[in-house]
Amino acid sequence: MLEYMEFKIGGYIGWETIQVIENDGTYTVKYQKALWEEWQTFGDINLDEWNDELERVHINKWHKLYIDYGILDGTEWLLEYKVKDKRCRHIHGSNAYPDNFDEFMQVLSVLYKIIGVPAFWEEG
């Protein structure tokens, strides 16, 4: 079961952050659209189904680092998460991604819908 997750993605134009924190069986989700904006907090959320979806992505098999050294400017991302009875993992990418990163983004999309916040990739 997920105890904590923080995902940041961005680059030159700014960063977006979403956090998931376990609290006695329910979750608090925090969202920050940009580093200079206030955090939005959503509490007492049941994320059992979402946790199941996240487990199916197998982020535990991801490497620690994904970098495309041929691109100097672009998108960076950071994922930090902790599963119960496991060590906290830190994964970083710069213009490179795990093979199933799109699946991870679909799972995040579900989380954004649960909290009622448009994801950065859905805005026009």
PDB file of N, CA and C in Angstrom:
ATOM      1  N   MET A   1       0.833  -1.178   0.000  1.00  0.00           N
ATOM      2  CA  MET A   1       0.000   0.000   0.000  1.00  0.00           C
ATOM      3  C   MET A   1       0.883   1.248   0.000  1.00  0.00           C
ATOM      4  N   LEU A   2       0.510   2.195  -0.807  1.00  0.00           N
ATOM      5  CA  LEU A   2       1.249   3.442  -0.920  1.00  0.00           C
ATOM      6  C   LEU A   2       1.092   4.268   0.348  1.00  0.00           C
ATOM      7  N   GLU A   3       2.210   4.723   0.885  1.00  0.00           N
ATOM      8  CA  GLU A   3       2.187   5.621   2.050  1.00  0.00           C
ATOM      9  C   GLU A   3       2.375   7.078   1.633  1.00  0.00           C
ATOM     10  N   TYR A   4       3.177   7.263   0.584  1.00  0.00           N
ATOM     11  CA  TYR A   4       3.501   8.624   0.151  1.00  0.00           C
ATOM     12  C   TYR A   4       3.944   8.602  -1.302  1.00  0.00           C
ATOM     13  N   MET A   5       3.533   9.623  -2.054  1.00  0.00           N
ATOM     14  CA  MET A   5       4.037   9.792  -3.405  1.00  0.00           C
ATOM     15  C   MET A   5       4.057  11.287  -3.723  1.00  0.00           C
ATOM     16  N   GLU A   6       5.114  11.705  -4.391  1.00  0.00           N
ATOM     17  CA  GLU A   6       5.183  13.059  -4.925  1.00  0.00           C
ATOM     18  C   GLU A   6       5.681  12.962  -6.354  1.00  0.00           C
ATOM     19  N   PHE A   7       4.945  13.589  -7.258  1.00  0.00           N
ATOM     20  CA  PHE A   7       5.333  13.612  -8.662  1.00  0.00           C
ATOM     21  C   PHE A   7       5.408  15.061  -9.103  1.00  0.00           C
ATOM     22  N   LYS A   8       6.564  15.430  -9.670  1.00  0.00           N
ATOM     23  CA  LYS A   8       6.777  16.776 -10.205  1.00  0.00           C
ATOM     24  C   LYS A   8       7.125  16.641 -11.672  1.00  0.00           C
ATOM     25  N   ILE A   9       6.601  17.543 -12.465  1.00  0.00           N
ATOM     26  CA  ILE A   9       6.960  17.551 -13.878  1.00  0.00           C
ATOM     27  C   ILE A   9       6.992  18.995 -14.359  1.00  0.00           C
ATOM     28  N   GLY A  10       7.947  19.306 -15.219  1.00  0.00           N
ATOM     29  CA  GLY A  10       8.032  20.663 -15.728  1.00  0.00           C
ATOM     30  C   GLY A  10       9.352  20.934 -16.407  1.00  0.00           C
ATOM     31  N   GLY A  11       9.694  22.186 -16.388  1.00  0.00           N
ATOM     32  CA  GLY A  11      10.916  22.625 -17.037  1.00  0.00           C
ATOM     33  C   GLY A  11      11.007  24.134 -16.968  1.00  0.00           C
ATOM     34  N   TYR A  12      11.469  24.716 -18.034  1.00  0.00           N
ATOM     35  CA  TYR A  12      11.701  26.155 -18.088  1.00  0.00           C
ATOM     36  C   TYR A  12      10.442  26.963 -17.765  1.00  0.00           C
ATOM     37  N   ILE A  13       9.273  26.515 -18.232  1.00  0.00           N
ATOM     38  CA  ILE A  13       8.045  27.290 -18.024  1.00  0.00           C
ATOM     39  C   ILE A  13       7.410  27.068 -16.651  1.00  0.00           C
ATOM     40  N   GLY A  14       7.929  26.153 -15.874  1.00  0.00           N
ATOM     41  CA  GLY A  14       7.401  25.937 -14.533  1.00  0.00           C
ATOM     42  C   GLY A  14       7.227  24.468 -14.204  1.00  0.00           C
ATOM     43  N   TRP A  15       6.867  24.225 -12.967  1.00  0.00           N
ATOM     44  CA  TRP A  15       6.710  22.867 -12.462  1.00  0.00           C
ATOM     45  C   TRP A  15       5.326  22.690 -11.872  1.00  0.00           C
ATOM     46  N   GLU A  16       4.766  21.490 -12.042  1.00  0.00           N
ATOM     47  CA  GLU A  16       3.509  21.104 -11.424  1.00  0.00           C
ATOM     48  C   GLU A  16       3.806  19.951 -10.475  1.00  0.00           C
ATOM     49  N   THR A  17       3.174  19.955  -9.297  1.00  0.00           N
ATOM     50  CA  THR A  17       3.444  18.930  -8.296  1.00  0.00           C
ATOM     51  C   THR A  17       2.138  18.366  -7.766  1.00  0.00           C
ATOM     52  N   ILE A  18       2.125  17.047  -7.579  1.00  0.00           N
ATOM     53  CA  ILE A  18       0.996  16.394  -6.928  1.00  0.00           C
ATOM     54  C   ILE A  18       1.558  15.441  -5.876  1.00  0.00           C
ATOM     55  N   GLN A  19       0.982  15.500  -4.681  1.00  0.00           N
ATOM     56  CA  GLN A  19       1.406  14.648  -3.573  1.00  0.00           C
ATOM     57  C   GLN A  19       0.230  13.803  -3.100  1.00  0.00           C
ATOM     58  N   VAL A  20       0.522  12.593  -2.682  1.00  0.00           N
ATOM     59  CA  VAL A  20      -0.469  11.696  -2.096  1.00  0.00           C
ATOM     60  C   VAL A  20       0.112  11.225  -0.770  1.00  0.00           C
ATOM     61  N   ILE A  21      -0.634  11.422   0.316  1.00  0.00           N
ATOM     62  CA  ILE A  21      -0.155  11.081   1.653  1.00  0.00           C
ATOM     63  C   ILE A  21      -1.209  10.237   2.352  1.00  0.00           C
ATOM     64  N   GLU A  22      -0.813   9.062   2.820  1.00  0.00           N
ATOM     65  CA  GLU A  22      -1.732   8.155   3.508  1.00  0.00           C
ATOM     66  C   GLU A  22      -1.943   8.613   4.945  1.00  0.00           C
ATOM     67  N   ASN A  23      -3.209   8.588   5.392  1.00  0.00           N
ATOM     68  CA  ASN A  23      -3.583   8.979   6.757  1.00  0.00           C
ATOM     69  C   ASN A  23      -4.583   7.970   7.310  1.00  0.00           C
ATOM     70  N   ASP A  24      -4.129   6.965   8.026  1.00  0.00           N
ATOM     71  CA  ASP A  24      -5.025   5.994   8.662  1.00  0.00           C
ATOM     72  C   ASP A  24      -6.051   5.397   7.693  1.00  0.00           C
ATOM     73  N   GLY A  25      -5.609   4.967   6.532  1.00  0.00           N
ATOM     74  CA  GLY A  25      -6.484   4.283   5.595  1.00  0.00           C
ATOM     75  C   GLY A  25      -7.119   5.162   4.535  1.00  0.00           C
ATOM     76  N   THR A  26      -7.114   6.476   4.735  1.00  0.00           N
ATOM     77  CA  THR A  26      -7.564   7.383   3.682  1.00  0.00           C
ATOM     78  C   THR A  26      -6.364   8.225   3.262  1.00  0.00           C
ATOM     79  N   TYR A  27      -6.570   9.061   2.275  1.00  0.00           N
ATOM     80  CA  TYR A  27      -5.459   9.824   1.718  1.00  0.00           C
ATOM     81  C   TYR A  27      -5.769  11.312   1.680  1.00  0.00           C
ATOM     82  N   THR A  28      -4.717  12.081   1.785  1.00  0.00           N
ATOM     83  CA  THR A  28      -4.756  13.510   1.505  1.00  0.00           C
ATOM     84  C   THR A  28      -3.972  13.711   0.220  1.00  0.00           C
ATOM     85  N   VAL A  29      -4.544  14.483  -0.679  1.00  0.00           N
ATOM     86  CA  VAL A  29      -3.869  14.801  -1.930  1.00  0.00           C
ATOM     87  C   VAL A  29      -3.602  16.299  -1.932  1.00  0.00           C
ATOM     88  N   LYS A  30      -2.366  16.668  -2.231  1.00  0.00           N
ATOM     89  CA  LYS A  30      -1.988  18.074  -2.345  1.00  0.00           C
ATOM     90  C   LYS A  30      -1.565  18.330  -3.782  1.00  0.00           C
ATOM     91  N   TYR A  31      -1.926  19.503  -4.266  1.00  0.00           N
ATOM     92  CA  TYR A  31      -1.659  19.836  -5.660  1.00  0.00           C
ATOM     93  C   TYR A  31      -1.157  21.273  -5.734  1.00  0.00           C
ATOM     94  N   GLN A  32      -0.102  21.458  -6.512  1.00  0.00           N
ATOM     95  CA  GLN A  32       0.441  22.800  -6.731  1.00  0.00           C
ATOM     96  C   GLN A  32       0.652  22.983  -8.223  1.00  0.00           C
ATOM     97  N   LYS A  33      -0.073  23.917  -8.818  1.00  0.00           N
ATOM     98  CA  LYS A  33      -0.015  24.154 -10.263  1.00  0.00           C
ATOM     99  C   LYS A  33       1.348  24.699 -10.699  1.00  0.00           C
ATOM    100  N   ALA A  34       1.934  25.532  -9.895  1.00  0.00           N
ATOM    101  CA  ALA A  34       3.245  26.124 -10.192  1.00  0.00           C
ATOM    102  C   ALA A  34       3.935  26.429  -8.867  1.00  0.00           C
ATOM    103  N   LEU A  35       5.249  26.505  -8.887  1.00  0.00           N
ATOM    104  CA  LEU A  35       6.010  26.708  -7.654  1.00  0.00           C
ATOM    105  C   LEU A  35       5.608  27.968  -6.899  1.00  0.00           C
ATOM    106  N   TRP A  36       5.122  28.965  -7.581  1.00  0.00           N
ATOM    107  CA  TRP A  36       4.768  30.221  -6.933  1.00  0.00           C
ATOM    108  C   TRP A  36       3.301  30.263  -6.491  1.00  0.00           C
ATOM    109  N   GLU A  37       2.541  29.219  -6.766  1.00  0.00           N
ATOM    110  CA  GLU A  37       1.127  29.187  -6.392  1.00  0.00           C
ATOM    111  C   GLU A  37       0.919  28.446  -5.076  1.00  0.00           C
ATOM    112  N   GLU A  38      -0.207  28.712  -4.428  1.00  0.00           N
ATOM    113  CA  GLU A  38      -0.573  28.056  -3.183  1.00  0.00           C
ATOM    114  C   GLU A  38      -0.899  26.584  -3.436  1.00  0.00           C
ATOM    115  N   TRP A  39      -0.680  25.760  -2.427  1.00  0.00           N
ATOM    116  CA  TRP A  39      -1.066  24.358  -2.489  1.00  0.00           C
ATOM    117  C   TRP A  39      -2.568  24.243  -2.299  1.00  0.00           C
ATOM    118  N   GLN A  40      -3.195  23.362  -3.070  1.00  0.00           N
ATOM    119  CA  GLN A  40      -4.588  22.981  -2.836  1.00  0.00           C
ATOM    120  C   GLN A  40      -4.562  21.638  -2.118  1.00  0.00           C
ATOM    121  N   THR A  41      -5.389  21.470  -1.091  1.00  0.00           N
ATOM    122  CA  THR A  41      -5.389  20.241  -0.305  1.00  0.00           C
ATOM    123  C   THR A  41      -6.774  19.606  -0.344  1.00  0.00           C
ATOM    124  N   PHE A  42      -6.794  18.305  -0.599  1.00  0.00           N
ATOM    125  CA  PHE A  42      -8.026  17.516  -0.657  1.00  0.00           C
ATOM    126  C   PHE A  42      -7.855  16.359   0.313  1.00  0.00           C
ATOM    127  N   GLY A  43      -8.715  16.283   1.338  1.00  0.00           N
ATOM    128  CA  GLY A  43      -8.526  15.285   2.379  1.00  0.00           C
ATOM    129  C   GLY A  43      -9.567  14.190   2.412  1.00  0.00           C
ATOM    130  N   ASP A  44      -9.255  13.142   3.179  1.00  0.00           N
ATOM    131  CA  ASP A  44     -10.130  11.994   3.407  1.00  0.00           C
ATOM    132  C   ASP A  44     -10.644  11.363   2.110  1.00  0.00           C
ATOM    133  N   ILE A  45      -9.724  11.054   1.225  1.00  0.00           N
ATOM    134  CA  ILE A  45     -10.074  10.461  -0.062  1.00  0.00           C
ATOM    135  C   ILE A  45      -9.759   8.966  -0.025  1.00  0.00           C
ATOM    136  N   ASN A  46     -10.694   8.162  -0.480  1.00  0.00           N
ATOM    137  CA  ASN A  46     -10.470   6.716  -0.593  1.00  0.00           C
ATOM    138  C   ASN A  46      -9.812   6.453  -1.940  1.00  0.00           C
ATOM    139  N   LEU A  47      -8.597   5.951  -1.906  1.00  0.00           N
ATOM    140  CA  LEU A  47      -7.849   5.697  -3.139  1.00  0.00           C
ATOM    141  C   LEU A  47      -7.531   4.212  -3.318  1.00  0.00           C
ATOM    142  N   ASP A  48      -8.365   3.321  -2.768  1.00  0.00           N
ATOM    143  CA  ASP A  48      -8.097   1.887  -2.890  1.00  0.00           C
ATOM    144  C   ASP A  48      -7.994   1.446  -4.347  1.00  0.00           C
ATOM    145  N   GLU A  49      -8.978   1.815  -5.165  1.00  0.00           N
ATOM    146  CA  GLU A  49      -8.951   1.432  -6.581  1.00  0.00           C
ATOM    147  C   GLU A  49      -7.775   2.090  -7.296  1.00  0.00           C
ATOM    148  N   TRP A  50      -7.505   3.341  -6.968  1.00  0.00           N
ATOM    149  CA  TRP A  50      -6.390   4.041  -7.592  1.00  0.00           C
ATOM    150  C   TRP A  50      -5.063   3.366  -7.249  1.00  0.00           C
ATOM    151  N   ASN A  51      -4.915   2.937  -5.998  1.00  0.00           N
ATOM    152  CA  ASN A  51      -3.719   2.203  -5.579  1.00  0.00           C
ATOM    153  C   ASN A  51      -3.538   0.935  -6.402  1.00  0.00           C
ATOM    154  N   ASP A  52      -4.643   0.217  -6.644  1.00  0.00           N
ATOM    155  CA  ASP A  52      -4.581  -0.996  -7.469  1.00  0.00           C
ATOM    156  C   ASP A  52      -4.084  -0.674  -8.870  1.00  0.00           C
ATOM    157  N   GLU A  53      -4.592   0.412  -9.447  1.00  0.00           N
ATOM    158  CA  GLU A  53      -4.155   0.826 -10.785  1.00  0.00           C
ATOM    159  C   GLU A  53      -2.666   1.180 -10.790  1.00  0.00           C
ATOM    160  N   LEU A  54      -2.233   1.886  -9.768  1.00  0.00           N
ATOM    161  CA  LEU A  54      -0.824   2.267  -9.667  1.00  0.00           C
ATOM    162  C   LEU A  54       0.064   1.031  -9.560  1.00  0.00           C
ATOM    163  N   GLU A  55      -0.344   0.044  -8.787  1.00  0.00           N
ATOM    164  CA  GLU A  55       0.451  -1.180  -8.643  1.00  0.00           C
ATOM    165  C   GLU A  55       0.612  -1.905  -9.979  1.00  0.00           C
ATOM    166  N   ARG A  56      -0.414  -1.853 -10.826  1.00  0.00           N
ATOM    167  CA  ARG A  56      -0.350  -2.523 -12.132  1.00  0.00           C
ATOM    168  C   ARG A  56       0.665  -1.882 -13.085  1.00  0.00           C
ATOM    169  N   VAL A  57       1.057  -0.653 -12.804  1.00  0.00           N
ATOM    170  CA  VAL A  57       2.055   0.025 -13.643  1.00  0.00           C
ATOM    171  C   VAL A  57       3.469  -0.452 -13.306  1.00  0.00           C
ATOM    172  N   HIS A  58       3.672  -0.999 -12.121  1.00  0.00           N
ATOM    173  CA  HIS A  58       4.968  -1.535 -11.684  1.00  0.00           C
ATOM    174  C   HIS A  58       6.074  -0.483 -11.686  1.00  0.00           C
ATOM    175  N   ILE A  59       5.784   0.661 -11.059  1.00  0.00           N
ATOM    176  CA  ILE A  59       6.836   1.680 -10.956  1.00  0.00           C
ATOM    177  C   ILE A  59       7.999   1.175 -10.110  1.00  0.00           C
ATOM    178  N   ASN A  60       7.765   0.119  -9.337  1.00  0.00           N
ATOM    179  CA  ASN A  60       8.846  -0.454  -8.537  1.00  0.00           C
ATOM    180  C   ASN A  60       9.936  -1.083  -9.405  1.00  0.00           C
ATOM    181  N   LYS A  61       9.667  -1.307 -10.676  1.00  0.00           N
ATOM    182  CA  LYS A  61      10.657  -1.869 -11.594  1.00  0.00           C
ATOM    183  C   LYS A  61      11.376  -0.798 -12.426  1.00  0.00           C
ATOM    184  N   TRP A  62      11.011   0.447 -12.219  1.00  0.00           N
ATOM    185  CA  TRP A  62      11.655   1.522 -12.958  1.00  0.00           C
ATOM    186  C   TRP A  62      13.086   1.721 -12.473  1.00  0.00           C
ATOM    187  N   HIS A  63      13.934   2.179 -13.386  1.00  0.00           N
ATOM    188  CA  HIS A  63      15.308   2.546 -13.029  1.00  0.00           C
ATOM    189  C   HIS A  63      15.293   3.850 -12.234  1.00  0.00           C
ATOM    190  N   LYS A  64      16.398   4.163 -11.639  1.00  0.00           N
ATOM    191  CA  LYS A  64      16.515   5.380 -10.843  1.00  0.00           C
ATOM    192  C   LYS A  64      16.625   6.635 -11.715  1.00  0.00           C
ATOM    193  N   LEU A  65      17.144   6.487 -12.935  1.00  0.00           N
ATOM    194  CA  LEU A  65      17.449   7.641 -13.770  1.00  0.00           C
ATOM    195  C   LEU A  65      17.113   7.373 -15.231  1.00  0.00           C
ATOM    196  N   TYR A  66      16.456   8.348 -15.867  1.00  0.00           N
ATOM    197  CA  TYR A  66      16.133   8.313 -17.302  1.00  0.00           C
ATOM    198  C   TYR A  66      16.535   9.670 -17.876  1.00  0.00           C
ATOM    199  N   ILE A  67      17.603   9.691 -18.671  1.00  0.00           N
ATOM    200  CA  ILE A  67      18.089  10.960 -19.215  1.00  0.00           C
ATOM    201  C   ILE A  67      18.431  10.795 -20.688  1.00  0.00           C
ATOM    202  N   ASP A  68      17.966  11.743 -21.492  1.00  0.00           N
ATOM    203  CA  ASP A  68      18.365  11.842 -22.890  1.00  0.00           C
ATOM    204  C   ASP A  68      19.355  13.004 -22.964  1.00  0.00           C
ATOM    205  N   TYR A  69      20.632  12.680 -23.020  1.00  0.00           N
ATOM    206  CA  TYR A  69      21.674  13.711 -23.007  1.00  0.00           C
ATOM    207  C   TYR A  69      21.732  14.503 -24.312  1.00  0.00           C
ATOM    208  N   GLY A  70      21.022  14.069 -25.332  1.00  0.00           N
ATOM    209  CA  GLY A  70      21.010  14.772 -26.611  1.00  0.00           C
ATOM    210  C   GLY A  70      20.064  15.959 -26.652  1.00  0.00           C
ATOM    211  N   ILE A  71      19.229  16.114 -25.642  1.00  0.00           N
ATOM    212  CA  ILE A  71      18.295  17.234 -25.578  1.00  0.00           C
ATOM    213  C   ILE A  71      18.707  18.121 -24.419  1.00  0.00           C
ATOM    214  N   LEU A  72      18.936  19.406 -24.708  1.00  0.00           N
ATOM    215  CA  LEU A  72      19.411  20.319 -23.665  1.00  0.00           C
ATOM    216  C   LEU A  72      18.281  20.989 -22.904  1.00  0.00           C
ATOM    217  N   ASP A  73      17.136  21.172 -23.531  1.00  0.00           N
ATOM    218  CA  ASP A  73      16.010  21.821 -22.879  1.00  0.00           C
ATOM    219  C   ASP A  73      14.779  20.975 -23.155  1.00  0.00           C
ATOM    220  N   GLY A  74      13.900  20.891 -22.207  1.00  0.00           N
ATOM    221  CA  GLY A  74      12.718  20.073 -22.419  1.00  0.00           C
ATOM    222  C   GLY A  74      11.994  19.841 -21.125  1.00  0.00           C
ATOM    223  N   THR A  75      11.622  18.601 -20.891  1.00  0.00           N
ATOM    224  CA  THR A  75      10.810  18.267 -19.727  1.00  0.00           C
ATOM    225  C   THR A  75      11.586  17.396 -18.748  1.00  0.00           C
ATOM    226  N   GLU A  76      11.555  17.799 -17.504  1.00  0.00           N
ATOM    227  CA  GLU A  76      12.122  16.986 -16.432  1.00  0.00           C
ATOM    228  C   GLU A  76      10.982  16.501 -15.554  1.00  0.00           C
ATOM    229  N   TRP A  77      11.204  15.401 -14.889  1.00  0.00           N
ATOM    230  CA  TRP A  77      10.204  14.884 -13.963  1.00  0.00           C
ATOM    231  C   TRP A  77      10.897  14.177 -12.807  1.00  0.00           C
ATOM    232  N   LEU A  78      10.224  14.171 -11.681  1.00  0.00           N
ATOM    233  CA  LEU A  78      10.733  13.540 -10.469  1.00  0.00           C
ATOM    234  C   LEU A  78       9.596  12.761  -9.823  1.00  0.00           C
ATOM    235  N   LEU A  79       9.879  11.546  -9.430  1.00  0.00           N
ATOM    236  CA  LEU A  79       8.905  10.734  -8.717  1.00  0.00           C
ATOM    237  C   LEU A  79       9.568  10.224  -7.449  1.00  0.00           C
ATOM    238  N   GLU A  80       8.930  10.513  -6.339  1.00  0.00           N
ATOM    239  CA  GLU A  80       9.377   9.997  -5.044  1.00  0.00           C
ATOM    240  C   GLU A  80       8.177   9.271  -4.453  1.00  0.00           C
ATOM    241  N   TYR A  81       8.394   8.045  -4.003  1.00  0.00           N
ATOM    242  CA  TYR A  81       7.271   7.338  -3.397  1.00  0.00           C
ATOM    243  C   TYR A  81       7.759   6.340  -2.356  1.00  0.00           C
ATOM    244  N   LYS A  82       6.849   6.013  -1.443  1.00  0.00           N
ATOM    245  CA  LYS A  82       7.137   5.036  -0.406  1.00  0.00           C
ATOM    246  C   LYS A  82       5.941   4.111  -0.273  1.00  0.00           C
ATOM    247  N   VAL A  83       6.231   2.829  -0.317  1.00  0.00           N
ATOM    248  CA  VAL A  83       5.239   1.792  -0.106  1.00  0.00           C
ATOM    249  C   VAL A  83       5.477   1.220   1.285  1.00  0.00           C
ATOM    250  N   LYS A  84       4.403   0.822   1.951  1.00  0.00           N
ATOM    251  CA  LYS A  84       4.501   0.292   3.310  1.00  0.00           C
ATOM    252  C   LYS A  84       5.556  -0.809   3.389  1.00  0.00           C
ATOM    253  N   ASP A  85       6.385  -0.737   4.407  1.00  0.00           N
ATOM    254  CA  ASP A  85       7.450  -1.692   4.697  1.00  0.00           C
ATOM    255  C   ASP A  85       8.568  -1.718   3.642  1.00  0.00           C
ATOM    256  N   LYS A  86       8.668  -0.693   2.826  1.00  0.00           N
ATOM    257  CA  LYS A  86       9.738  -0.573   1.822  1.00  0.00           C
ATOM    258  C   LYS A  86      10.427   0.768   2.008  1.00  0.00           C
ATOM    259  N   ARG A  87      11.603   0.884   1.415  1.00  0.00           N
ATOM    260  CA  ARG A  87      12.332   2.155   1.451  1.00  0.00           C
ATOM    261  C   ARG A  87      11.742   3.129   0.443  1.00  0.00           C
ATOM    262  N   CYS A  88      11.914   4.389   0.706  1.00  0.00           N
ATOM    263  CA  CYS A  88      11.468   5.437  -0.208  1.00  0.00           C
ATOM    264  C   CYS A  88      12.322   5.382  -1.480  1.00  0.00           C
ATOM    265  N   ARG A  89      11.675   5.507  -2.632  1.00  0.00           N
ATOM    266  CA  ARG A  89      12.406   5.502  -3.908  1.00  0.00           C
ATOM    267  C   ARG A  89      12.343   6.882  -4.542  1.00  0.00           C
ATOM    268  N   HIS A  90      13.420   7.247  -5.230  1.00  0.00           N
ATOM    269  CA  HIS A  90      13.528   8.510  -5.938  1.00  0.00           C
ATOM    270  C   HIS A  90      13.891   8.189  -7.383  1.00  0.00           C
ATOM    271  N   ILE A  91      13.063   8.661  -8.316  1.00  0.00           N
ATOM    272  CA  ILE A  91      13.287   8.401  -9.736  1.00  0.00           C
ATOM    273  C   ILE A  91      13.258   9.749 -10.447  1.00  0.00           C
ATOM    274  N   HIS A  92      14.209   9.955 -11.350  1.00  0.00           N
ATOM    275  CA  HIS A  92      14.331  11.239 -12.044  1.00  0.00           C
ATOM    276  C   HIS A  92      14.455  10.999 -13.537  1.00  0.00           C
ATOM    277  N   GLY A  93      13.822  11.888 -14.304  1.00  0.00           N
ATOM    278  CA  GLY A  93      13.948  11.806 -15.752  1.00  0.00           C
ATOM    279  C   GLY A  93      14.114  13.178 -16.366  1.00  0.00           C
ATOM    280  N   SER A  94      14.847  13.217 -17.460  1.00  0.00           N
ATOM    281  CA  SER A  94      15.014  14.436 -18.236  1.00  0.00           C
ATOM    282  C   SER A  94      14.925  14.069 -19.706  1.00  0.00           C
ATOM    283  N   ASN A  95      13.760  14.353 -20.295  1.00  0.00           N
ATOM    284  CA  ASN A  95      13.498  14.066 -21.713  1.00  0.00           C
ATOM    285  C   ASN A  95      13.608  12.585 -22.049  1.00  0.00           C
ATOM    286  N   ALA A  96      13.502  11.731 -21.064  1.00  0.00           N
ATOM    287  CA  ALA A  96      13.502  10.282 -21.260  1.00  0.00           C
ATOM    288  C   ALA A  96      12.580   9.676 -20.207  1.00  0.00           C
ATOM    289  N   TYR A  97      11.986   8.539 -20.565  1.00  0.00           N
ATOM    290  CA  TYR A  97      10.929   7.978 -19.731  1.00  0.00           C
ATOM    291  C   TYR A  97      10.981   6.452 -19.751  1.00  0.00           C
ATOM    292  N   PRO A  98      10.436   5.803 -18.707  1.00  0.00           N
ATOM    293  CA  PRO A  98      10.290   4.342 -18.752  1.00  0.00           C
ATOM    294  C   PRO A  98       9.319   3.967 -19.879  1.00  0.00           C
ATOM    295  N   ASP A  99       9.398   2.741 -20.337  1.00  0.00           N
ATOM    296  CA  ASP A  99       8.544   2.290 -21.442  1.00  0.00           C
ATOM    297  C   ASP A  99       7.061   2.471 -21.161  1.00  0.00           C
ATOM    298  N   ASN A 100       6.653   2.289 -19.929  1.00  0.00           N
ATOM    299  CA  ASN A 100       5.228   2.374 -19.601  1.00  0.00           C
ATOM    300  C   ASN A 100       4.854   3.695 -18.914  1.00  0.00           C
ATOM    301  N   PHE A 101       5.585   4.753 -19.190  1.00  0.00           N
ATOM    302  CA  PHE A 101       5.313   6.054 -18.577  1.00  0.00           C
ATOM    303  C   PHE A 101       3.916   6.552 -18.934  1.00  0.00           C
ATOM    304  N   ASP A 102       3.448   6.271 -20.152  1.00  0.00           N
ATOM    305  CA  ASP A 102       2.094   6.689 -20.545  1.00  0.00           C
ATOM    306  C   ASP A 102       1.036   6.033 -19.662  1.00  0.00           C
ATOM    307  N   GLU A 103       1.257   4.790 -19.273  1.00  0.00           N
ATOM    308  CA  GLU A 103       0.327   4.110 -18.363  1.00  0.00           C
ATOM    309  C   GLU A 103       0.309   4.819 -17.003  1.00  0.00           C
ATOM    310  N   PHE A 104       1.485   5.210 -16.536  1.00  0.00           N
ATOM    311  CA  PHE A 104       1.572   5.946 -15.279  1.00  0.00           C
ATOM    312  C   PHE A 104       0.797   7.258 -15.375  1.00  0.00           C
ATOM    313  N   MET A 105       0.939   7.957 -16.493  1.00  0.00           N
ATOM    314  CA  MET A 105       0.229   9.219 -16.673  1.00  0.00           C
ATOM    315  C   MET A 105      -1.280   8.996 -16.726  1.00  0.00           C
ATOM    316  N   GLN A 106      -1.735   7.873 -17.260  1.00  0.00           N
ATOM    317  CA  GLN A 106      -3.171   7.558 -17.252  1.00  0.00           C
ATOM    318  C   GLN A 106      -3.655   7.350 -15.823  1.00  0.00           C
ATOM    319  N   VAL A 107      -2.854   6.684 -15.006  1.00  0.00           N
ATOM    320  CA  VAL A 107      -3.214   6.494 -13.599  1.00  0.00           C
ATOM    321  C   VAL A 107      -3.251   7.846 -12.887  1.00  0.00           C
ATOM    322  N   LEU A 108      -2.297   8.708 -13.182  1.00  0.00           N
ATOM    323  CA  LEU A 108      -2.323  10.054 -12.597  1.00  0.00           C
ATOM    324  C   LEU A 108      -3.560  10.814 -13.053  1.00  0.00           C
ATOM    325  N   SER A 109      -3.952  10.633 -14.294  1.00  0.00           N
ATOM    326  CA  SER A 109      -5.137  11.295 -14.834  1.00  0.00           C
ATOM    327  C   SER A 109      -6.375  10.954 -14.004  1.00  0.00           C
ATOM    328  N   VAL A 110      -6.485   9.697 -13.585  1.00  0.00           N
ATOM    329  CA  VAL A 110      -7.598   9.280 -12.717  1.00  0.00           C
ATOM    330  C   VAL A 110      -7.542  10.049 -11.404  1.00  0.00           C
ATOM    331  N   LEU A 111      -6.351  10.209 -10.846  1.00  0.00           N
ATOM    332  CA  LEU A 111      -6.192  10.945  -9.593  1.00  0.00           C
ATOM    333  C   LEU A 111      -6.625  12.402  -9.762  1.00  0.00           C
ATOM    334  N   TYR A 112      -6.239  13.028 -10.865  1.00  0.00           N
ATOM    335  CA  TYR A 112      -6.638  14.410 -11.126  1.00  0.00           C
ATOM    336  C   TYR A 112      -8.161  14.533 -11.200  1.00  0.00           C
ATOM    337  N   LYS A 113      -8.816  13.531 -11.808  1.00  0.00           N
ATOM    338  CA  LYS A 113     -10.280  13.549 -11.894  1.00  0.00           C
ATOM    339  C   LYS A 113     -10.903  13.401 -10.512  1.00  0.00           C
ATOM    340  N   ILE A 114     -10.329  12.564  -9.669  1.00  0.00           N
ATOM    341  CA  ILE A 114     -10.850  12.370  -8.311  1.00  0.00           C
ATOM    342  C   ILE A 114     -10.826  13.684  -7.535  1.00  0.00           C
ATOM    343  N   ILE A 115      -9.752  14.458  -7.673  1.00  0.00           N
ATOM    344  CA  ILE A 115      -9.653  15.716  -6.926  1.00  0.00           C
ATOM    345  C   ILE A 115     -10.271  16.890  -7.683  1.00  0.00           C
ATOM    346  N   GLY A 116     -10.677  16.662  -8.937  1.00  0.00           N
ATOM    347  CA  GLY A 116     -11.355  17.706  -9.698  1.00  0.00           C
ATOM    348  C   GLY A 116     -10.464  18.822 -10.190  1.00  0.00           C
ATOM    349  N   VAL A 117      -9.227  18.475 -10.495  1.00  0.00           N
ATOM    350  CA  VAL A 117      -8.262  19.459 -10.989  1.00  0.00           C
ATOM    351  C   VAL A 117      -7.827  19.039 -12.409  1.00  0.00           C
ATOM    352  N   PRO A 118      -7.850  19.973 -13.380  1.00  0.00           N
ATOM    353  CA  PRO A 118      -7.379  19.587 -14.718  1.00  0.00           C
ATOM    354  C   PRO A 118      -5.870  19.333 -14.726  1.00  0.00           C
ATOM    355  N   ALA A 119      -5.467  18.221 -15.316  1.00  0.00           N
ATOM    356  CA  ALA A 119      -4.043  17.905 -15.432  1.00  0.00           C
ATOM    357  C   ALA A 119      -3.408  18.823 -16.469  1.00  0.00           C
ATOM    358  N   PHE A 120      -2.135  19.083 -16.315  1.00  0.00           N
ATOM    359  CA  PHE A 120      -1.444  20.021 -17.191  1.00  0.00           C
ATOM    360  C   PHE A 120      -1.507  19.603 -18.653  1.00  0.00           C
ATOM    361  N   TRP A 121      -1.545  18.293 -18.935  1.00  0.00           N
ATOM    362  CA  TRP A 121      -1.568  17.831 -20.319  1.00  0.00           C
ATOM    363  C   TRP A 121      -2.957  17.884 -20.929  1.00  0.00           C
ATOM    364  N   GLU A 122      -3.989  18.185 -20.123  1.00  0.00           N
ATOM    365  CA  GLU A 122      -5.360  18.275 -20.620  1.00  0.00           C
ATOM    366  C   GLU A 122      -5.778  19.713 -20.882  1.00  0.00           C
ATOM    367  N   GLU A 123      -4.973  20.654 -20.469  1.00  0.00           N
ATOM    368  CA  GLU A 123      -5.323  22.060 -20.665  1.00  0.00           C
ATOM    369  C   GLU A 123      -4.915  22.496 -22.055  1.00  0.00           C
ATOM    370  N   GLY A 124      -5.702  23.433 -22.606  1.00  0.00           N
ATOM    371  CA  GLY A 124      -5.412  23.876 -23.964  1.00  0.00           C
ATOM    372  C   GLY A 124      -4.931  25.252 -24.083  1.00  0.00           C
TER     373      GLY A 124
END
